[in-house]
Amino acid sequence: MDLKEVMAINMRRLRYDKKLTQEELAERSGLSMRYVGSIERGAVSASVSVLGKVAVALDVDPCDLIRPPKR
């Protein structure tokens, strides 16, 4: 599993846990809803800056977004 996929899975899970829509996450992070959806599908690689914005919007440590899931 590559890092793009790991971030997609974690971002979606954390967003669901916070009961946020993609639109709400996009608004909180200052990103477009289309871009948030692309990250969650693993279609694009997020920059470190975007990783930070998403982490702040979700109120999590940026490492939580790129930490591989436990098996």
N, C-alpha and C. Protein backbone atom coordinates (compact mmCIF):
# COMPACT_ATOMS: atom_id res chain seq x y z
N MET A 1 0.86 -1.17 0.00
CA MET A 1 0.00 0.00 0.00
C MET A 1 0.91 1.24 0.00
N ASP A 2 0.68 2.14 -0.94
CA ASP A 2 1.52 3.34 -0.99
C ASP A 2 0.96 4.43 -0.07
N LEU A 3 1.76 5.45 0.15
CA LEU A 3 1.42 6.50 1.09
C LEU A 3 0.15 7.26 0.69
N LYS A 4 -0.06 7.40 -0.61
CA LYS A 4 -1.26 8.07 -1.12
C LYS A 4 -2.51 7.30 -0.68
N GLU A 5 -2.43 5.98 -0.78
CA GLU A 5 -3.55 5.12 -0.39
C GLU A 5 -3.77 5.16 1.12
N VAL A 6 -2.68 5.14 1.88
CA VAL A 6 -2.77 5.21 3.34
C VAL A 6 -3.45 6.50 3.76
N MET A 7 -3.04 7.61 3.16
CA MET A 7 -3.65 8.90 3.52
C MET A 7 -5.13 8.91 3.14
N ALA A 8 -5.46 8.35 2.00
CA ALA A 8 -6.86 8.31 1.56
C ALA A 8 -7.72 7.57 2.58
N ILE A 9 -7.26 6.42 3.00
CA ILE A 9 -8.02 5.59 3.96
C ILE A 9 -8.14 6.32 5.30
N ASN A 10 -7.03 6.84 5.80
CA ASN A 10 -7.05 7.51 7.11
C ASN A 10 -7.89 8.77 7.08
N MET A 11 -7.76 9.54 6.03
CA MET A 11 -8.51 10.80 5.93
C MET A 11 -10.02 10.53 5.92
N ARG A 12 -10.42 9.55 5.13
CA ARG A 12 -11.84 9.21 5.06
C ARG A 12 -12.35 8.72 6.43
N ARG A 13 -11.57 7.85 7.08
CA ARG A 13 -11.97 7.31 8.39
C ARG A 13 -12.07 8.42 9.43
N LEU A 14 -11.07 9.29 9.47
CA LEU A 14 -11.09 10.39 10.44
C LEU A 14 -12.24 11.35 10.17
N ARG A 15 -12.51 11.60 8.91
CA ARG A 15 -13.63 12.49 8.55
C ARG A 15 -14.95 11.87 8.99
N TYR A 16 -15.11 10.57 8.75
CA TYR A 16 -16.34 9.87 9.19
C TYR A 16 -16.47 9.93 10.71
N ASP A 17 -15.34 9.70 11.40
CA ASP A 17 -15.36 9.72 12.87
C ASP A 17 -15.82 11.07 13.41
N LYS A 18 -15.47 12.14 12.70
CA LYS A 18 -15.85 13.49 13.11
C LYS A 18 -17.22 13.90 12.55
N LYS A 19 -17.84 12.96 11.80
CA LYS A 19 -19.16 13.19 11.21
C LYS A 19 -19.17 14.43 10.30
N LEU A 20 -18.12 14.54 9.48
CA LEU A 20 -18.01 15.66 8.54
C LEU A 20 -18.25 15.17 7.12
N THR A 21 -18.84 16.00 6.31
CA THR A 21 -18.95 15.70 4.89
C THR A 21 -17.66 16.17 4.21
N GLN A 22 -17.46 15.75 2.98
CA GLN A 22 -16.31 16.23 2.22
C GLN A 22 -16.39 17.75 2.08
N GLU A 23 -17.58 18.24 1.89
CA GLU A 23 -17.78 19.68 1.74
C GLU A 23 -17.36 20.43 3.00
N GLU A 24 -17.76 19.91 4.16
CA GLU A 24 -17.39 20.56 5.43
C GLU A 24 -15.88 20.51 5.65
N LEU A 25 -15.27 19.36 5.33
CA LEU A 25 -13.81 19.26 5.47
C LEU A 25 -13.11 20.22 4.52
N ALA A 26 -13.61 20.32 3.32
CA ALA A 26 -13.03 21.24 2.34
C ALA A 26 -13.09 22.68 2.85
N GLU A 27 -14.23 23.05 3.39
CA GLU A 27 -14.40 24.41 3.90
C GLU A 27 -13.46 24.68 5.07
N ARG A 28 -13.37 23.74 5.99
CA ARG A 28 -12.50 23.90 7.16
C ARG A 28 -11.02 23.98 6.78
N SER A 29 -10.64 23.26 5.73
CA SER A 29 -9.23 23.19 5.35
C SER A 29 -8.84 24.20 4.28
N GLY A 30 -9.84 24.88 3.71
CA GLY A 30 -9.54 25.85 2.66
C GLY A 30 -9.20 25.21 1.32
N LEU A 31 -9.66 23.98 1.14
CA LEU A 31 -9.44 23.25 -0.11
C LEU A 31 -10.76 23.12 -0.85
N SER A 32 -10.68 22.76 -2.11
CA SER A 32 -11.93 22.54 -2.85
C SER A 32 -12.47 21.15 -2.51
N MET A 33 -13.78 21.03 -2.60
CA MET A 33 -14.41 19.74 -2.32
C MET A 33 -13.91 18.69 -3.33
N ARG A 34 -13.71 19.11 -4.55
CA ARG A 34 -13.23 18.20 -5.59
C ARG A 34 -11.83 17.66 -5.24
N TYR A 35 -10.97 18.53 -4.70
CA TYR A 35 -9.62 18.12 -4.32
C TYR A 35 -9.66 17.17 -3.13
N VAL A 36 -10.50 17.47 -2.14
CA VAL A 36 -10.67 16.58 -0.98
C VAL A 36 -11.11 15.20 -1.46
N GLY A 37 -12.06 15.16 -2.37
CA GLY A 37 -12.53 13.88 -2.91
C GLY A 37 -11.43 13.14 -3.64
N SER A 38 -10.60 13.87 -4.38
CA SER A 38 -9.49 13.25 -5.11
C SER A 38 -8.47 12.64 -4.15
N ILE A 39 -8.21 13.33 -3.05
CA ILE A 39 -7.28 12.79 -2.05
C ILE A 39 -7.88 11.52 -1.44
N GLU A 40 -9.16 11.56 -1.08
CA GLU A 40 -9.80 10.40 -0.46
C GLU A 40 -9.90 9.20 -1.40
N ARG A 41 -9.90 9.44 -2.68
CA ARG A 41 -9.91 8.32 -3.65
C ARG A 41 -8.50 7.84 -3.95
N GLY A 42 -7.50 8.56 -3.46
CA GLY A 42 -6.12 8.20 -3.73
C GLY A 42 -5.71 8.55 -5.15
N ALA A 43 -6.43 9.49 -5.76
CA ALA A 43 -6.15 9.87 -7.14
C ALA A 43 -5.02 10.89 -7.24
N VAL A 44 -4.78 11.63 -6.15
CA VAL A 44 -3.71 12.63 -6.15
C VAL A 44 -2.87 12.48 -4.88
N SER A 45 -1.65 12.94 -4.96
CA SER A 45 -0.78 12.98 -3.79
C SER A 45 -0.88 14.38 -3.18
N ALA A 46 -1.12 14.43 -1.89
CA ALA A 46 -1.23 15.71 -1.21
C ALA A 46 0.16 16.20 -0.82
N SER A 47 0.38 17.49 -0.93
CA SER A 47 1.65 18.08 -0.51
C SER A 47 1.69 18.12 1.02
N VAL A 48 2.86 18.42 1.56
CA VAL A 48 3.00 18.56 3.00
C VAL A 48 2.12 19.69 3.51
N SER A 49 2.00 20.76 2.75
CA SER A 49 1.14 21.88 3.14
C SER A 49 -0.31 21.45 3.24
N VAL A 50 -0.76 20.68 2.28
CA VAL A 50 -2.15 20.19 2.28
C VAL A 50 -2.35 19.21 3.43
N LEU A 51 -1.37 18.36 3.67
CA LEU A 51 -1.44 17.43 4.80
C LEU A 51 -1.67 18.22 6.10
N GLY A 52 -0.92 19.30 6.26
CA GLY A 52 -1.07 20.14 7.45
C GLY A 52 -2.44 20.78 7.55
N LYS A 53 -2.96 21.28 6.44
CA LYS A 53 -4.29 21.91 6.44
C LYS A 53 -5.37 20.90 6.81
N VAL A 54 -5.27 19.70 6.26
CA VAL A 54 -6.27 18.67 6.55
C VAL A 54 -6.17 18.24 8.01
N ALA A 55 -4.95 18.10 8.52
CA ALA A 55 -4.77 17.71 9.92
C ALA A 55 -5.38 18.75 10.86
N VAL A 56 -5.15 20.02 10.58
CA VAL A 56 -5.74 21.08 11.41
C VAL A 56 -7.26 21.03 11.32
N ALA A 57 -7.79 20.85 10.12
CA ALA A 57 -9.25 20.81 9.93
C ALA A 57 -9.88 19.63 10.66
N LEU A 58 -9.15 18.52 10.75
CA LEU A 58 -9.67 17.33 11.44
C LEU A 58 -9.27 17.30 12.91
N ASP A 59 -8.45 18.28 13.34
CA ASP A 59 -7.95 18.35 14.71
C ASP A 59 -7.21 17.07 15.10
N VAL A 60 -6.28 16.66 14.22
CA VAL A 60 -5.45 15.48 14.48
C VAL A 60 -3.99 15.83 14.19
N ASP A 61 -3.11 14.99 14.66
CA ASP A 61 -1.69 15.12 14.35
C ASP A 61 -1.50 14.72 12.89
N PRO A 62 -0.70 15.44 12.12
CA PRO A 62 -0.49 15.06 10.71
C PRO A 62 -0.03 13.62 10.54
N CYS A 63 0.69 13.11 11.53
CA CYS A 63 1.15 11.71 11.46
C CYS A 63 -0.03 10.73 11.41
N ASP A 64 -1.16 11.11 12.01
CA ASP A 64 -2.34 10.25 12.00
C ASP A 64 -2.86 10.03 10.57
N LEU A 65 -2.57 10.96 9.69
CA LEU A 65 -3.04 10.84 8.31
C LEU A 65 -2.16 9.92 7.46
N ILE A 66 -0.92 9.78 7.85
CA ILE A 66 -0.01 8.98 7.01
C ILE A 66 0.51 7.73 7.71
N ARG A 67 -0.01 7.43 8.89
CA ARG A 67 0.39 6.23 9.62
C ARG A 67 -0.31 5.02 9.01
N PRO A 68 0.46 4.00 8.59
CA PRO A 68 -0.18 2.81 8.03
C PRO A 68 -1.11 2.14 9.03
N PRO A 69 -2.22 1.59 8.57
CA PRO A 69 -3.17 0.94 9.50
C PRO A 69 -2.53 -0.29 10.13
N LYS A 70 -2.95 -0.57 11.36
CA LYS A 70 -2.47 -1.78 12.05
C LYS A 70 -3.09 -3.00 11.42
N ARG A 71 -2.32 -4.04 11.33
CA ARG A 71 -2.83 -5.28 10.71
C ARG A 71 -3.32 -6.25 11.73
